[in-house]
Protein backbone atom coordinates (compact mmCIF):
# COMPACT_ATOMS: atom_id res chain seq x y z
CA MET A 1 111.03 -30.63 150.82
CA SER A 2 112.82 -28.10 153.07
CA PHE A 3 109.93 -28.53 156.52
CA PHE A 4 111.26 -26.86 159.30
CA TYR A 5 112.70 -28.69 162.22
CA ASP A 6 111.88 -27.84 166.23
CA GLY A 7 114.09 -30.82 168.09
CA GLY A 8 113.80 -33.25 165.45
CA VAL A 9 110.55 -32.67 164.89
CA ILE A 10 108.53 -32.07 161.46
CA LEU A 11 106.48 -28.63 161.94
CA THR A 12 103.48 -28.53 160.26
CA TYR A 13 101.68 -24.49 159.68
CA ASN A 14 98.48 -24.37 158.92
CA VAL A 15 98.09 -21.51 156.55
CA LEU A 16 94.42 -19.88 155.66
CA ILE A 17 94.15 -18.34 152.44
CA GLY A 18 91.42 -15.13 152.73
CA SER A 19 92.01 -13.54 149.49
CA LYS A 20 90.71 -15.24 146.55
CA THR A 21 93.31 -13.77 143.94
CA PHE A 22 96.01 -15.55 145.97
CA GLY A 23 97.95 -17.36 143.41
CA LYS A 24 95.48 -17.52 140.78
CA ILE A 25 98.12 -16.83 137.87
CA THR A 26 100.92 -19.41 138.73
CA PRO A 27 101.08 -22.29 141.16
CA GLU A 28 104.50 -20.31 142.90
CA PRO A 29 102.95 -18.81 145.49
CA GLU A 30 101.24 -21.71 147.12
CA LYS A 31 104.40 -24.18 146.35
CA ILE A 32 106.81 -22.00 148.47
CA LEU A 33 104.38 -22.37 151.14
CA THR A 34 103.71 -26.45 150.74
CA GLU A 35 107.49 -26.84 150.32
CA ASN A 36 108.23 -24.87 153.24
CA GLY A 37 105.79 -27.17 156.14
CA CYS A 38 102.95 -25.06 155.28
CA HIS A 39 99.50 -26.80 155.01
CA VAL A 40 96.89 -24.44 152.68
CA ILE A 41 93.39 -23.90 153.73
CA HIS A 42 91.34 -21.67 151.24
CA ASN A 43 88.86 -19.79 151.94
CA PRO A 44 85.50 -21.94 151.47
CA TYR A 45 82.53 -19.23 151.49
CA PRO A 46 81.72 -17.32 148.19
CA ASP A 47 83.31 -13.77 149.30
CA PHE A 48 85.62 -12.34 152.01
CA PHE A 49 85.48 -13.73 155.30
CA ARG A 50 83.06 -11.83 157.75
CA GLU A 51 84.00 -11.47 161.37
CA ASP A 52 81.98 -14.48 162.78
CA GLN A 53 83.33 -16.93 160.04
CA LEU A 54 86.89 -15.87 161.16
CA ILE A 55 86.78 -16.22 164.73
CA GLN A 56 85.32 -19.76 164.11
CA ALA A 57 88.22 -20.54 161.14
CA ILE A 58 91.39 -18.90 163.27
CA GLU A 59 91.79 -20.86 165.81
CA GLU A 60 94.44 -23.16 164.41
CA ILE A 61 95.67 -21.11 161.87
CA ASP A 62 99.33 -20.02 162.32
CA ALA A 63 99.23 -17.23 159.60
CA MET A 64 96.52 -15.54 156.93
CA VAL A 65 96.61 -14.15 153.37
CA VAL A 66 94.45 -11.53 153.57
CA GLY A 67 91.89 -9.84 151.35
CA PHE A 68 89.16 -7.64 152.32
CA ASP A 69 88.37 -10.08 155.04
CA GLU A 70 87.56 -8.32 158.04
CA ILE A 71 90.26 -8.89 160.59
CA THR A 72 88.97 -7.33 164.12
CA GLU A 73 89.98 -6.88 167.13
CA LYS A 74 87.35 -9.98 168.15
CA VAL A 75 89.45 -12.13 165.35
CA ILE A 76 92.81 -11.30 166.24
CA ALA A 77 91.66 -12.42 170.26
CA ASN A 78 90.74 -15.61 168.94
CA ALA A 79 93.73 -16.48 166.78
CA HIS A 80 95.55 -18.24 169.35
CA ARG A 81 98.34 -19.77 167.25
CA LEU A 82 98.90 -16.96 164.27
CA LYS A 83 102.36 -15.23 163.90
CA VAL A 84 101.60 -13.22 160.74
CA PHE A 85 98.77 -11.67 158.57
CA ALA A 86 99.98 -11.03 155.12
CA LYS A 87 97.88 -8.75 153.49
CA HIS A 88 97.44 -9.42 149.74
CA GLY A 89 97.65 -5.70 148.74
CA VAL A 90 98.61 -2.74 150.18
CA GLY A 91 95.97 -1.13 151.96
CA VAL A 92 95.54 -2.56 155.36
CA ASP A 93 92.30 -0.18 156.98
CA ASN A 94 90.01 -3.80 157.13
CA ILE A 95 93.33 -5.01 159.79
CA ASP A 96 92.74 -3.77 163.36
CA ILE A 97 96.95 -2.99 163.17
CA ASP A 98 96.93 -1.70 166.86
CA ALA A 99 94.71 -4.74 167.99
CA ALA A 100 97.44 -7.13 165.87
CA THR A 101 100.49 -5.96 167.66
CA ASN A 102 99.08 -5.49 171.33
CA TYR A 103 98.75 -9.47 170.38
CA GLY A 104 101.95 -9.57 169.10
CA LYS A 105 100.73 -10.54 165.64
CA ILE A 106 103.37 -9.44 163.03
CA VAL A 107 101.28 -7.68 159.89
CA CYS A 108 102.67 -7.33 156.50
CA ASN A 109 101.46 -6.12 153.16
CA THR A 110 102.77 -5.83 149.51
CA VAL A 111 104.28 -2.42 148.96
CA GLY A 112 105.04 -1.55 145.25
CA ALA A 113 103.54 -4.64 144.02
CA ASN A 114 100.43 -3.06 142.20
CA GLU A 115 101.72 0.57 141.68
CA ASN A 116 102.05 -0.20 137.87
CA GLY A 117 99.08 -1.41 137.45
CA VAL A 118 97.10 1.12 139.72
CA ALA A 119 98.93 3.86 137.83
CA ASP A 120 98.24 2.54 134.43
CA LEU A 121 94.43 2.11 135.14
CA VAL A 122 94.47 5.65 136.27
CA PHE A 123 95.19 7.15 132.87
CA GLY A 124 92.76 4.59 131.79
CA LEU A 125 90.27 6.31 133.56
CA MET A 126 90.86 9.59 133.11
CA ILE A 127 90.84 8.96 129.46
CA SER A 128 87.49 7.34 129.57
CA ILE A 129 85.75 9.44 131.02
CA ALA A 130 87.29 12.69 129.25
CA ARG A 131 86.29 11.44 125.73
CA GLN A 132 83.50 9.87 127.52
CA ILE A 133 84.57 6.22 126.06
CA PRO A 134 82.29 3.82 127.86
CA PHE A 135 79.20 6.13 126.61
CA ALA A 136 80.30 6.13 122.84
CA ASP A 137 80.83 1.99 123.12
CA ARG A 138 77.06 2.06 124.73
CA GLU A 139 76.08 4.23 122.10
CA ILE A 140 77.50 2.42 118.95
CA LYS A 141 76.67 -0.82 119.87
CA ASN A 142 72.60 -0.18 120.30
CA GLY A 143 72.93 1.50 116.71
CA GLY A 144 73.74 4.77 117.19
CA TRP A 145 76.19 7.42 116.00
CA PRO A 146 76.74 10.39 118.32
CA LYS A 147 79.12 13.27 118.36
CA ILE A 148 80.78 12.88 121.72
CA PHE A 149 83.33 16.15 122.50
CA GLY A 150 85.30 15.46 125.10
CA SER A 151 88.40 17.03 126.58
CA GLU A 152 92.11 16.43 125.94
CA LEU A 153 95.04 15.20 128.71
CA TRP A 154 97.57 16.84 126.91
CA GLU A 155 99.63 20.04 128.85
CA LYS A 156 96.72 20.19 131.22
CA THR A 157 97.22 20.37 134.91
CA LEU A 158 97.08 16.75 137.18
CA GLY A 159 96.73 17.04 140.56
CA ILE A 160 97.99 14.27 142.74
CA VAL A 161 96.77 13.73 146.27
CA GLY A 162 99.35 11.43 148.23
CA LEU A 163 102.59 11.17 146.14
CA GLY A 164 104.12 7.44 147.32
CA ARG A 165 104.44 4.81 145.17
CA ILE A 166 101.32 4.65 143.06
CA GLY A 167 101.07 8.86 143.04
CA LYS A 168 104.88 8.91 142.04
CA GLY A 169 103.92 6.22 138.91
CA VAL A 170 101.11 8.10 138.34
CA ALA A 171 103.47 11.23 138.01
CA ARG A 172 105.67 9.16 135.40
CA ARG A 173 103.42 8.40 133.23
CA ALA A 174 101.89 12.23 133.15
CA ARG A 175 105.33 13.35 131.26
CA GLY A 176 104.44 11.84 128.50
CA PHE A 177 101.29 13.76 128.44
CA GLU A 178 103.20 16.82 129.20
CA MET A 179 101.12 17.70 132.23
CA LYS A 180 101.84 20.22 134.72
CA ILE A 181 101.93 18.01 137.97
CA LEU A 182 100.97 19.31 141.47
CA ALA A 183 100.43 17.10 144.66
CA TYR A 184 99.76 17.28 147.86
CA ASP A 185 101.40 15.18 150.85
CA VAL A 186 101.86 15.15 154.47
CA CYS A 187 104.93 13.62 153.42
CA ARG A 188 107.28 15.55 150.80
CA ASP A 189 109.51 13.55 148.55
CA ASN A 190 111.60 16.92 147.47
CA ASP A 191 114.18 14.57 145.33
CA PHE A 192 111.47 13.53 143.37
CA ALA A 193 109.43 16.13 142.51
CA TYR A 194 112.35 17.76 141.71
CA LYS A 195 113.51 15.28 139.03
CA TYR A 196 109.91 14.86 137.68
CA ASN A 197 109.21 18.40 137.64
CA VAL A 198 106.48 18.27 140.63
CA GLN A 199 105.16 21.01 142.26
CA PHE A 200 103.74 20.61 146.46
CA VAL A 201 100.98 22.47 146.98
CA GLU A 202 98.31 22.68 149.55
CA LEU A 203 95.11 20.85 149.55
CA ASP A 204 93.11 23.46 148.56
CA GLU A 205 95.16 24.89 146.17
CA LEU A 206 95.89 22.04 143.94
CA LEU A 207 91.84 21.33 144.09
CA LYS A 208 91.66 25.16 142.50
CA ASN A 209 93.84 24.72 139.76
CA SER A 210 93.99 20.95 138.74
CA ASP A 211 92.33 19.76 135.20
CA PHE A 212 92.22 15.88 136.52
CA ILE A 213 92.70 15.64 140.21
CA SER A 214 93.81 11.35 141.06
CA ILE A 215 93.87 10.45 145.11
CA HIS A 216 96.40 7.92 146.38
CA THR A 217 96.33 8.75 149.87
CA PRO A 218 95.49 5.40 152.52
CA LEU A 219 92.29 5.25 154.37
CA ASN A 220 92.53 6.45 157.41
CA ALA A 221 90.93 8.90 160.41
CA ASN A 222 92.41 12.08 158.52
CA THR A 223 91.50 11.27 154.84
CA LYS A 224 87.82 9.66 155.55
CA ASN A 225 85.78 11.75 153.90
CA LEU A 226 89.01 14.12 152.34
CA ILE A 227 87.39 15.19 149.32
CA GLY A 228 83.39 16.47 150.34
CA GLU A 229 81.29 18.69 149.52
CA LYS A 230 83.53 22.01 150.37
CA GLN A 231 86.05 20.25 148.43
CA LEU A 232 84.17 19.67 145.12
CA LYS A 233 83.19 22.79 145.00
CA MET A 234 86.73 24.38 144.98
CA MET A 235 87.31 23.04 141.60
CA LYS A 236 86.89 23.58 138.24
CA PRO A 237 84.01 23.16 136.57
CA GLN A 238 85.83 21.54 133.82
CA ALA A 239 87.72 18.95 136.16
CA TYR A 240 87.61 15.60 136.75
CA LEU A 241 88.19 13.40 139.53
CA VAL A 242 89.67 10.16 139.80
CA ASN A 243 89.13 7.54 142.76
CA THR A 244 91.46 4.43 142.80
CA ALA A 245 92.15 4.14 146.82
CA ARG A 246 89.84 3.93 149.07
CA GLY A 247 86.14 4.65 148.38
CA GLU A 248 85.52 6.40 151.88
CA ILE A 249 87.95 9.09 151.34
CA VAL A 250 85.84 10.42 149.00
CA ASP A 251 82.07 11.66 150.03
CA GLU A 252 79.69 9.18 147.53
CA GLU A 253 76.83 11.55 148.42
CA ALA A 254 78.48 15.03 147.73
CA LEU A 255 80.18 13.61 144.21
CA GLN A 256 76.89 12.32 143.39
CA VAL A 257 75.51 15.89 144.07
CA ALA A 258 78.88 17.49 142.45
CA LEU A 259 77.89 15.53 138.93
CA ARG A 260 74.04 15.89 139.21
CA ASP A 261 74.81 19.95 139.67
CA LYS A 262 77.74 20.19 137.36
CA TRP A 263 80.36 21.13 139.96
CA ILE A 264 82.69 19.12 138.01
CA ALA A 265 82.90 17.94 134.75
CA GLY A 266 82.88 14.19 135.46
CA ALA A 267 84.79 10.99 137.78
CA ALA A 268 85.95 7.71 137.96
CA LEU A 269 85.88 5.35 140.58
CA ASP A 270 88.06 2.32 141.13
CA ALA A 271 86.82 2.27 144.89
CA PHE A 272 83.67 2.75 146.90
CA ALA A 273 82.31 2.98 150.50
CA VAL A 274 80.77 -0.08 150.16
CA GLU A 275 82.04 -2.97 148.03
CA PRO A 276 80.59 -4.27 145.97
CA ALA A 277 79.02 -1.41 145.13
CA THR A 278 75.88 -2.99 143.41
CA GLY A 279 72.89 -0.54 143.56
CA THR A 280 74.71 2.37 145.28
CA LYS A 281 73.16 5.63 144.22
CA ILE A 282 77.12 7.07 143.13
CA LEU A 283 76.13 4.73 139.91
CA GLU A 284 73.48 6.64 138.81
CA ALA A 285 75.09 9.37 138.19
CA ASP A 286 75.22 10.11 134.10
CA ALA A 287 79.04 11.80 134.47
CA LEU A 288 80.94 8.71 135.95
CA VAL A 289 82.68 5.89 134.79
CA ALA A 290 83.36 2.69 137.40
CA THR A 291 85.09 -0.24 137.74
CA PRO A 292 85.01 -2.50 140.06
CA HIS A 293 88.22 -1.89 141.80
CA MET A 294 90.30 -3.78 139.78
CA GLY A 295 93.48 -1.34 139.91
CA ALA A 296 95.80 -3.97 141.31
CA TYR A 297 94.35 -7.13 138.88
CA THR A 298 96.56 -7.13 136.68
CA LYS A 299 98.44 -10.79 135.86
CA GLU A 300 102.03 -8.94 137.13
CA SER A 301 100.64 -7.41 140.07
CA LEU A 302 98.50 -10.28 141.20
CA ASN A 303 101.24 -12.69 140.90
CA ARG A 304 104.01 -10.13 143.02
CA MET A 305 101.43 -9.79 145.21
CA SER A 306 101.14 -13.17 146.40
CA LEU A 307 104.67 -14.26 146.00
CA MET A 308 105.41 -11.23 148.11
CA CYS A 309 102.79 -12.94 150.83
CA SER A 310 104.68 -16.14 150.94
CA GLN A 311 107.57 -15.22 151.08
CA SER A 312 106.90 -12.84 154.21
CA ILE A 313 104.60 -15.99 156.06
CA VAL A 314 107.96 -18.21 155.27
CA SER A 315 110.47 -15.92 156.88
CA VAL A 316 108.14 -15.57 160.06
CA PHE A 317 108.26 -19.01 160.52
CA LYS A 318 111.59 -19.02 159.83
CA GLY A 319 112.19 -16.32 162.64
CA GLU A 320 113.03 -13.91 160.15
CA LYS A 321 112.07 -10.20 159.71
CA PRO A 322 109.85 -9.74 156.45
CA GLN A 323 110.76 -7.09 154.12
CA TYR A 324 107.81 -5.09 154.62
CA ILE A 325 106.47 -5.04 157.83
CA VAL A 326 103.05 -2.39 159.12
CA ASN A 327 103.95 -2.86 162.61
CA PRO A 328 107.49 -3.03 163.27
CA GLU A 329 107.15 -2.12 166.83
CA VAL A 330 105.38 -5.48 167.35
CA TYR A 331 109.14 -7.15 167.69
CA ASN A 332 109.46 -4.69 170.80
CA LEU A 333 106.64 -7.14 172.41
CA LEU A 334 107.54 -10.50 171.19
């Protein structure tokens, strides 16, 4: 074993695993931790950690693999020994980044680990809602044989809201359907746009001209309820909305009305404002395909995320900078 040493004394680091899917595919991610002097402690609760549970658990913890756990300022203030929060995913909206930085805690994520899984799911959802596959499946299993008329993706216009890694993955796949691609992003990668024939436009233009709209922005103060009543009314009545990012980016009450009153043809959601979404009103909508925030849940994506979390934690314990730091300015305070 390659334990760390400090003046001849073997150091053992306590690593708390909040994510329920960490290391589920292969034992290698946990092995990396244990072979580098880490004592692994798994979340004992049936769901992710709540604030009060974490405050009790985190005082003697040196690093944490974060799932959907609530990493608030109170939690961070009680993490006296902790050096690094490693998010088992990309979105860090459940971590108070400012507080982490102020308390000298490094925050990492797993940029790029799940982009293929999510981008694949986008097309699965678009085809499912456009061709009403879930409805057809239910009807035929219940003894029916309905005539179902759907829409094609071929040569349609796809609007991508947020052309980051996942958005780019969706754009690459759209070429196989010979789709026209519009994109809205505050940061424009013009080289990528030129290579893949993507046209950057403002959000209003994208909404008005797209047949399918796929959301891939992070959740922040500027993107919360980015798609509300006003934006939904701009969309074509034959258009479809897909959200695999964060639920709060779409105003679910407005979307429910849009589907009921046929402002748009349908929607597919892999993310909800409240999760689990069981009992959420939006699930009552007929023209909706819903999945349980499973975009990153492929064997390949989960294993990459787990390995990246372990590697980031070990790097921090060795005094090295991990590759994907969310708050690099923390090093100015350490």
